[in-house]
Amino acid sequence: MPGSWNPIHENHAIDAMAALVTFSGTIPNLLLAKALKRSEDVAFDAGLRSRGGMAGFQMVIGAEGVSSGATTQTRGRTFNSIIDDEETPLGSSRRVEQLVVTENQVAYRTWNYVSWTWQIERMRMLMSPAISMVQDAVSLATQRLEYLDRFRYDGDLSEMQLTSLLRAGSPFVAPHVFSGAKARRGRGSVMTRANVEGNYVANLRVRAEHQNRVEDFRILIVEDHVVIAADIADAVQRSGGQVLGPVSRLSEALAVIATVPCDAALLDINLGHETSYLAAEMLQAREVPFAFLTGSEGDEIESRYANIPVLRKPFSEMEIESCLQRLMASSGMPAL
């Protein structure tokens, strides 16, 4: 009877997991300092109470080999949760969770995976403060989700087949590893690599990556002021996005949402004698991210939309692009 693969843990096979968000530029010094302070507070409250700086080693390689080396400093900090490990010699410890905030990246890693529902909320709690503080200054470039799955084979090595691990519908690998990053018209990618150790342990490394680019994104514009609508459309097109509309009436917006696929939307709240809230409801039902546009500080947004981004007129082209980057960040990865 052929053997079978079994996850190394009782309920899952994940030995390590990482989520990384990289930025297209470098975070300014003052803003980075504020993001680090905020991340430190959040990490400490969450139990990540061991912190450290970032350092690397740079070598200069010439014709005769390595000629010099120097330690380099990267602006940023690590926050770690470290526990005593009962499986290792007395007095030793191991890192089980880590938050990293640097001048161009925010990353989360865990070596003590619990469950996806718990883990995604944990990632958001630890990563979101820094990301939300800097995303108006630097746009998001990529999001990456990585797993190291480990399995043991209980049969004869000659009968072992890795294909049972690397297939859609496998009970061992999360479904979004195969479908999530590819679902949004090719802007994501999935890379899978596997190897087997001599003791019948399979290491399955999966990386799902999403590129945050405006290219090919279909952006619905709902705005009843013709000049403002044209300016927004120009900004979207200069960023490489595709414009749906602009439309100026709620009925037109609903018709577009119902019949044309779109990736994000910009909704003017007040459309003459009506509002765009019904369009917002339809977008939420379709899991399409959107932002509100408003021309007055006094406009009150319904409490159910408290977490929706708002662009207040007049806004610049840079603000429009930053808002679109934020919307794309919320639409790309299946998890983050």
Protein backbone atom coordinates (compact mmCIF):
# COMPACT_ATOMS: atom_id res chain seq x y z
CA MET A 1 0.00 0.00 0.00
CA PRO A 2 1.51 3.37 -1.01
CA GLY A 3 2.45 5.76 1.74
CA SER A 4 1.00 9.19 2.34
CA TRP A 5 2.16 12.69 3.15
CA ASN A 6 1.43 14.01 6.62
CA PRO A 7 1.85 17.59 7.84
CA ILE A 8 4.46 18.12 10.55
CA HIS A 9 1.88 19.73 12.83
CA GLU A 10 -1.39 18.24 13.96
CA ASN A 11 -3.64 20.73 12.15
CA HIS A 12 -1.44 22.24 9.44
CA ALA A 13 1.88 21.94 7.63
CA ILE A 14 3.14 25.52 7.92
CA ASP A 15 6.55 25.71 9.57
CA ALA A 16 7.06 29.41 8.79
CA MET A 17 5.16 32.21 7.12
CA ALA A 18 6.05 35.74 6.02
CA ALA A 19 4.20 38.75 4.64
CA LEU A 20 6.20 41.55 3.05
CA VAL A 21 5.13 44.95 1.74
CA THR A 22 7.75 46.91 -0.18
CA PHE A 23 7.60 50.58 -1.18
CA SER A 24 8.56 52.18 -4.48
CA GLY A 25 10.74 54.76 -2.73
CA THR A 26 12.51 55.49 0.53
CA ILE A 27 10.52 56.67 3.54
CA PRO A 28 11.67 60.15 4.67
CA ASN A 29 13.66 60.19 7.91
CA LEU A 30 11.16 62.02 10.11
CA LEU A 31 8.23 59.95 8.89
CA LEU A 32 10.19 56.73 9.38
CA ALA A 33 11.00 57.75 12.97
CA LYS A 34 7.30 58.26 13.66
CA ALA A 35 6.38 54.95 12.03
CA LEU A 36 9.04 53.15 14.09
CA LYS A 37 7.76 54.67 17.32
CA ARG A 38 4.18 53.70 16.51
CA SER A 39 5.25 50.18 15.49
CA GLU A 40 7.25 49.81 18.69
CA ASP A 41 4.20 50.63 20.80
CA VAL A 42 1.99 48.19 18.88
CA ALA A 43 4.64 45.44 18.90
CA PHE A 44 5.29 45.81 22.64
CA ASP A 45 1.57 45.54 23.42
CA ALA A 46 1.41 42.41 21.24
CA GLY A 47 4.29 40.72 23.06
CA LEU A 48 7.13 41.46 20.63
CA ARG A 49 9.35 43.04 23.26
CA SER A 50 12.85 42.28 22.01
CA ARG A 51 14.04 44.88 19.51
CA GLY A 52 17.15 45.42 17.42
CA GLY A 53 18.62 47.51 14.64
CA MET A 54 19.21 46.56 11.03
CA ALA A 55 22.70 45.74 9.79
CA GLY A 56 24.20 44.11 6.72
CA PHE A 57 27.63 43.24 5.34
CA GLN A 58 28.91 44.62 2.05
CA MET A 59 31.84 43.06 0.19
CA VAL A 60 33.83 44.58 -2.68
CA ILE A 61 34.93 41.86 -5.08
CA GLY A 62 37.76 42.64 -7.46
CA ALA A 63 39.79 40.66 -9.96
CA GLU A 64 41.76 39.02 -7.16
CA GLY A 65 38.76 38.18 -5.04
CA VAL A 66 37.32 39.92 -2.01
CA SER A 67 39.31 43.07 -1.36
CA SER A 68 37.33 44.60 1.50
CA GLY A 69 34.21 44.26 3.56
CA ALA A 70 32.20 46.57 5.75
CA THR A 71 29.14 46.48 7.95
CA THR A 72 26.33 48.65 6.60
CA GLN A 73 23.41 50.08 8.50
CA THR A 74 19.86 50.09 7.15
CA ARG A 75 17.46 52.53 8.68
CA GLY A 76 14.87 50.48 10.50
CA ARG A 77 14.23 48.17 13.40
CA THR A 78 13.17 44.62 14.21
CA PHE A 79 10.70 43.67 16.95
CA ASN A 80 10.78 40.06 18.10
CA SER A 81 8.95 37.63 20.32
CA ILE A 82 11.43 35.18 21.85
CA ILE A 83 10.54 32.17 24.00
CA ASP A 84 12.43 29.41 25.78
CA ASP A 85 12.50 26.29 23.65
CA GLU A 86 11.93 23.06 25.59
CA GLU A 87 13.13 20.96 22.66
CA THR A 88 16.63 22.47 22.66
CA PRO A 89 19.36 22.40 25.34
CA LEU A 90 18.61 24.11 28.64
CA GLY A 91 18.88 27.88 28.54
CA SER A 92 18.38 28.24 24.78
CA SER A 93 15.59 30.24 23.21
CA ARG A 94 14.08 30.80 19.80
CA ARG A 95 12.32 33.56 17.91
CA VAL A 96 8.67 32.81 17.16
CA GLU A 97 7.41 36.08 15.70
CA GLN A 98 8.95 39.18 14.13
CA LEU A 99 7.94 42.60 12.80
CA VAL A 100 10.44 44.47 10.62
CA VAL A 101 10.07 48.13 9.65
CA THR A 102 12.76 49.64 7.42
CA GLU A 103 13.14 52.62 5.13
CA ASN A 104 11.61 50.69 2.22
CA GLN A 105 9.74 47.69 3.64
CA VAL A 106 7.37 46.42 6.32
CA ALA A 107 7.53 42.69 6.99
CA TYR A 108 5.95 40.18 9.34
CA ARG A 109 7.27 36.67 10.00
CA THR A 110 6.11 33.88 12.24
CA TRP A 111 7.60 30.50 13.13
CA ASN A 112 4.59 29.62 15.26
CA TYR A 113 1.67 29.61 12.81
CA VAL A 114 -1.73 29.19 14.46
CA SER A 115 -4.50 29.44 11.85
CA TRP A 116 -5.21 31.62 8.83
CA THR A 117 -8.09 33.50 10.48
CA TRP A 118 -5.98 34.33 13.51
CA GLN A 119 -2.82 35.03 11.50
CA ILE A 120 -4.33 37.54 9.06
CA GLU A 121 -5.73 39.62 11.90
CA ARG A 122 -2.36 39.44 13.64
CA MET A 123 -0.55 40.64 10.51
CA ARG A 124 -2.94 43.51 9.99
CA MET A 125 -2.66 44.63 13.60
CA LEU A 126 1.14 44.70 13.51
CA MET A 127 1.79 45.91 9.94
CA SER A 128 -1.03 48.38 9.31
CA PRO A 129 0.11 51.19 11.66
CA ALA A 130 3.40 51.72 9.83
CA ILE A 131 1.92 51.23 6.36
CA SER A 132 -0.94 53.67 6.95
CA MET A 133 1.46 56.32 8.27
CA VAL A 134 3.78 56.29 5.24
CA GLN A 135 1.56 55.40 2.27
CA ASP A 136 0.82 59.03 1.43
CA ALA A 137 4.56 59.70 1.11
CA VAL A 138 5.66 56.52 -0.69
CA SER A 139 3.50 54.28 -2.84
CA LEU A 140 3.31 50.52 -2.40
CA ALA A 141 5.34 48.53 -4.92
CA THR A 142 4.73 44.86 -4.09
CA GLN A 143 3.02 42.61 -1.59
CA ARG A 144 4.36 39.14 -1.01
CA LEU A 145 3.10 36.20 1.00
CA GLU A 146 5.45 33.28 1.65
CA TYR A 147 5.02 29.87 3.26
CA LEU A 148 7.37 27.10 4.23
CA ASP A 149 5.26 23.94 4.46
CA ARG A 150 6.82 20.75 5.77
CA PHE A 151 5.50 17.20 5.41
CA ARG A 152 6.67 13.72 6.32
CA TYR A 153 6.20 10.69 4.09
CA ASP A 154 5.33 7.43 5.82
CA GLY A 155 5.94 5.06 2.93
CA ASP A 156 8.73 3.77 0.74
CA LEU A 157 10.90 6.45 -0.85
CA SER A 158 10.67 4.83 -4.29
CA GLU A 159 6.89 5.32 -4.26
CA MET A 160 6.94 8.92 -3.08
CA GLN A 161 5.37 11.52 -5.42
CA LEU A 162 5.54 15.27 -4.89
CA THR A 163 2.73 15.90 -7.38
CA SER A 164 0.17 15.08 -4.72
CA LEU A 165 1.37 18.16 -2.82
CA LEU A 166 1.59 20.52 -5.78
CA ARG A 167 -1.93 20.55 -7.16
CA ALA A 168 -4.99 22.72 -6.90
CA GLY A 169 -7.47 21.15 -4.51
CA SER A 170 -4.73 19.62 -2.40
CA PRO A 171 -5.86 19.26 1.22
CA PHE A 172 -2.38 20.31 2.31
CA VAL A 173 -1.96 23.72 0.61
CA ALA A 174 -4.16 26.80 1.04
CA PRO A 175 -6.39 27.31 -2.06
CA HIS A 176 -5.41 30.97 -2.56
CA VAL A 177 -1.81 29.86 -3.12
CA PHE A 178 -2.93 28.52 -6.50
CA SER A 179 -5.70 30.98 -7.39
CA GLY A 180 -5.56 34.22 -5.41
CA ALA A 181 -2.56 35.99 -6.87
CA LYS A 182 -3.45 35.02 -10.44
CA ALA A 183 -7.10 35.94 -10.22
CA ARG A 184 -6.73 39.64 -10.96
CA ARG A 185 -5.78 39.53 -14.63
CA GLY A 186 -2.17 38.49 -14.36
CA ARG A 187 -0.87 41.19 -12.02
CA GLY A 188 0.16 38.56 -9.50
CA SER A 189 2.38 35.53 -9.66
CA VAL A 190 2.77 32.29 -7.75
CA MET A 191 6.08 30.50 -7.37
CA THR A 192 6.33 27.06 -5.80
CA ARG A 193 9.50 25.11 -5.04
CA ALA A 194 9.81 21.76 -3.32
CA ASN A 195 12.63 19.49 -2.23
CA VAL A 196 12.84 16.29 -0.20
CA GLU A 197 15.37 15.65 2.54
CA GLY A 198 16.89 12.26 3.21
CA ASN A 199 14.61 11.61 6.15
CA TYR A 200 11.49 11.70 3.99
CA VAL A 201 10.67 15.31 4.91
CA ALA A 202 9.34 17.47 2.07
CA ASN A 203 9.94 21.21 2.19
CA LEU A 204 7.38 23.07 0.11
CA ARG A 205 8.14 26.77 -0.39
CA VAL A 206 5.36 28.88 -1.84
CA ARG A 207 5.55 32.57 -2.72
CA ALA A 208 2.56 34.56 -3.95
CA GLU A 209 3.41 38.08 -5.11
CA HIS A 210 1.29 40.99 -6.25
CA GLN A 211 2.64 44.00 -8.13
CA ASN A 212 0.95 47.28 -7.21
CA ARG A 213 0.89 49.05 -10.54
CA VAL A 214 -1.87 51.18 -12.02
CA GLU A 215 -1.36 49.66 -15.46
CA ASP A 216 -4.42 47.79 -16.73
CA PHE A 217 -6.50 48.69 -13.69
CA ARG A 218 -10.02 49.75 -14.60
CA ILE A 219 -11.04 52.74 -12.51
CA LEU A 220 -14.67 53.86 -12.38
CA ILE A 221 -15.06 57.63 -11.93
CA VAL A 222 -18.37 58.96 -10.59
CA GLU A 223 -18.29 62.76 -10.51
CA ASP A 224 -20.95 65.32 -11.49
CA HIS A 225 -18.58 68.25 -12.06
CA VAL A 226 -17.38 67.95 -15.65
CA VAL A 227 -14.04 69.73 -15.18
CA ILE A 228 -13.14 67.79 -12.03
CA ALA A 229 -14.15 64.51 -13.68
CA ALA A 230 -11.90 65.29 -16.66
CA ASP A 231 -8.96 66.13 -14.41
CA ILE A 232 -9.36 62.84 -12.50
CA ALA A 233 -9.62 60.88 -15.74
CA ASP A 234 -6.44 62.52 -17.06
CA ALA A 235 -4.59 61.65 -13.84
CA VAL A 236 -5.71 58.01 -14.04
CA GLN A 237 -4.71 57.73 -17.69
CA ARG A 238 -1.29 59.32 -17.10
CA SER A 239 -0.71 56.65 -14.47
CA GLY A 240 -1.50 53.99 -17.07
CA GLY A 241 -4.95 53.05 -15.77
CA GLN A 242 -8.10 52.56 -17.81
CA VAL A 243 -10.98 54.95 -17.15
CA LEU A 244 -14.57 53.75 -16.87
CA GLY A 245 -16.82 56.78 -17.38
CA PRO A 246 -16.70 59.36 -16.03
CA VAL A 247 -20.40 59.19 -15.15
CA SER A 248 -22.35 61.88 -13.33
CA ARG A 249 -25.53 60.12 -12.22
CA LEU A 250 -26.19 57.33 -9.75
CA SER A 251 -28.17 55.32 -12.29
CA GLU A 252 -25.23 55.44 -14.71
CA ALA A 253 -22.83 54.34 -12.00
CA LEU A 254 -25.05 51.40 -11.03
CA ALA A 255 -25.30 50.33 -14.67
CA VAL A 256 -21.51 50.32 -15.08
CA ILE A 257 -20.94 48.41 -11.84
CA ALA A 258 -23.54 45.82 -12.82
CA THR A 259 -22.25 45.22 -16.35
CA VAL A 260 -18.55 46.13 -16.59
CA PRO A 261 -15.73 44.62 -14.50
CA CYS A 262 -13.82 47.27 -12.60
CA ASP A 263 -10.89 47.11 -10.19
CA ALA A 264 -11.51 50.28 -8.16
CA ALA A 265 -13.77 53.34 -8.09
CA LEU A 266 -13.72 57.00 -7.11
CA LEU A 267 -17.17 58.14 -5.96
CA ASP A 268 -18.29 61.73 -5.47
CA ILE A 269 -20.59 61.51 -2.46
CA ASN A 270 -23.07 64.18 -3.57
CA LEU A 271 -24.40 63.87 -7.11
CA GLY A 272 -26.78 66.80 -7.34
CA HIS A 273 -29.93 65.76 -5.47
CA GLU A 274 -28.74 62.19 -4.81
CA THR A 275 -25.79 60.43 -3.21
CA SER A 276 -23.50 57.63 -4.37
CA TYR A 277 -24.07 55.40 -1.34
CA LEU A 278 -26.02 52.81 -3.32
CA ALA A 279 -23.08 52.53 -5.72
CA ALA A 280 -20.82 52.06 -2.70
CA GLU A 281 -23.05 49.21 -1.50
CA MET A 282 -22.81 47.47 -4.87
CA LEU A 283 -19.04 47.85 -4.94
CA GLN A 284 -18.70 46.43 -1.44
CA ALA A 285 -20.90 43.46 -2.39
CA ARG A 286 -18.52 42.79 -5.29
CA GLU A 287 -15.44 43.34 -3.10
CA VAL A 288 -14.28 46.23 -5.28
CA PRO A 289 -12.28 48.87 -3.33
CA PHE A 290 -13.31 52.51 -3.66
CA ALA A 291 -12.73 55.98 -2.27
CA PHE A 292 -15.12 58.87 -1.71
CA LEU A 293 -14.68 62.33 -3.20
CA THR A 294 -16.13 65.32 -1.39
CA GLY A 295 -15.96 69.07 -1.79
CA SER A 296 -16.73 70.10 1.75
CA GLU A 297 -15.21 69.52 5.17
CA GLY A 298 -18.75 69.55 6.49
CA ASP A 299 -19.90 66.55 4.47
CA GLU A 300 -20.71 63.76 6.89
CA ILE A 301 -19.96 60.25 5.70
CA GLU A 302 -22.19 57.48 7.01
CA SER A 303 -20.56 55.62 9.88
CA ARG A 304 -20.60 52.31 8.03
CA TYR A 305 -18.02 53.82 5.64
CA ALA A 306 -15.72 55.13 8.35
CA ASN A 307 -12.77 53.08 7.00
CA ILE A 308 -13.19 54.15 3.37
CA PRO A 309 -10.51 56.55 2.02
CA VAL A 310 -11.67 60.11 1.34
CA LEU A 311 -10.25 62.64 -1.13
CA ARG A 312 -11.28 66.19 -0.29
CA LYS A 313 -11.45 68.73 -3.09
CA PRO A 314 -9.37 70.37 -4.30
CA PHE A 315 -6.88 67.51 -4.52
CA SER A 316 -3.67 67.15 -6.48
CA GLU A 317 -2.73 64.54 -9.05
CA MET A 318 -0.25 63.12 -6.55
CA GLU A 319 -3.07 62.65 -4.04
CA ILE A 320 -5.14 60.84 -6.67
CA GLU A 321 -2.25 58.51 -7.50
CA SER A 322 -1.57 57.85 -3.82
CA CYS A 323 -5.25 57.03 -3.29
CA LEU A 324 -5.23 54.63 -6.24
CA GLN A 325 -2.14 52.92 -4.87
CA ARG A 326 -3.93 52.45 -1.57
CA LEU A 327 -6.97 50.97 -3.31
CA MET A 328 -4.79 48.60 -5.34
CA ALA A 329 -3.01 47.52 -2.18
CA SER A 330 -6.33 46.44 -0.73
CA SER A 331 -7.37 44.52 -3.85
CA GLY A 332 -4.36 42.51 -4.90
CA MET A 333 -3.41 39.82 -2.44
CA PRO A 334 -5.97 37.33 -1.22
CA ALA A 335 -4.80 37.83 2.33
CA LEU A 336 -3.29 41.14 3.12
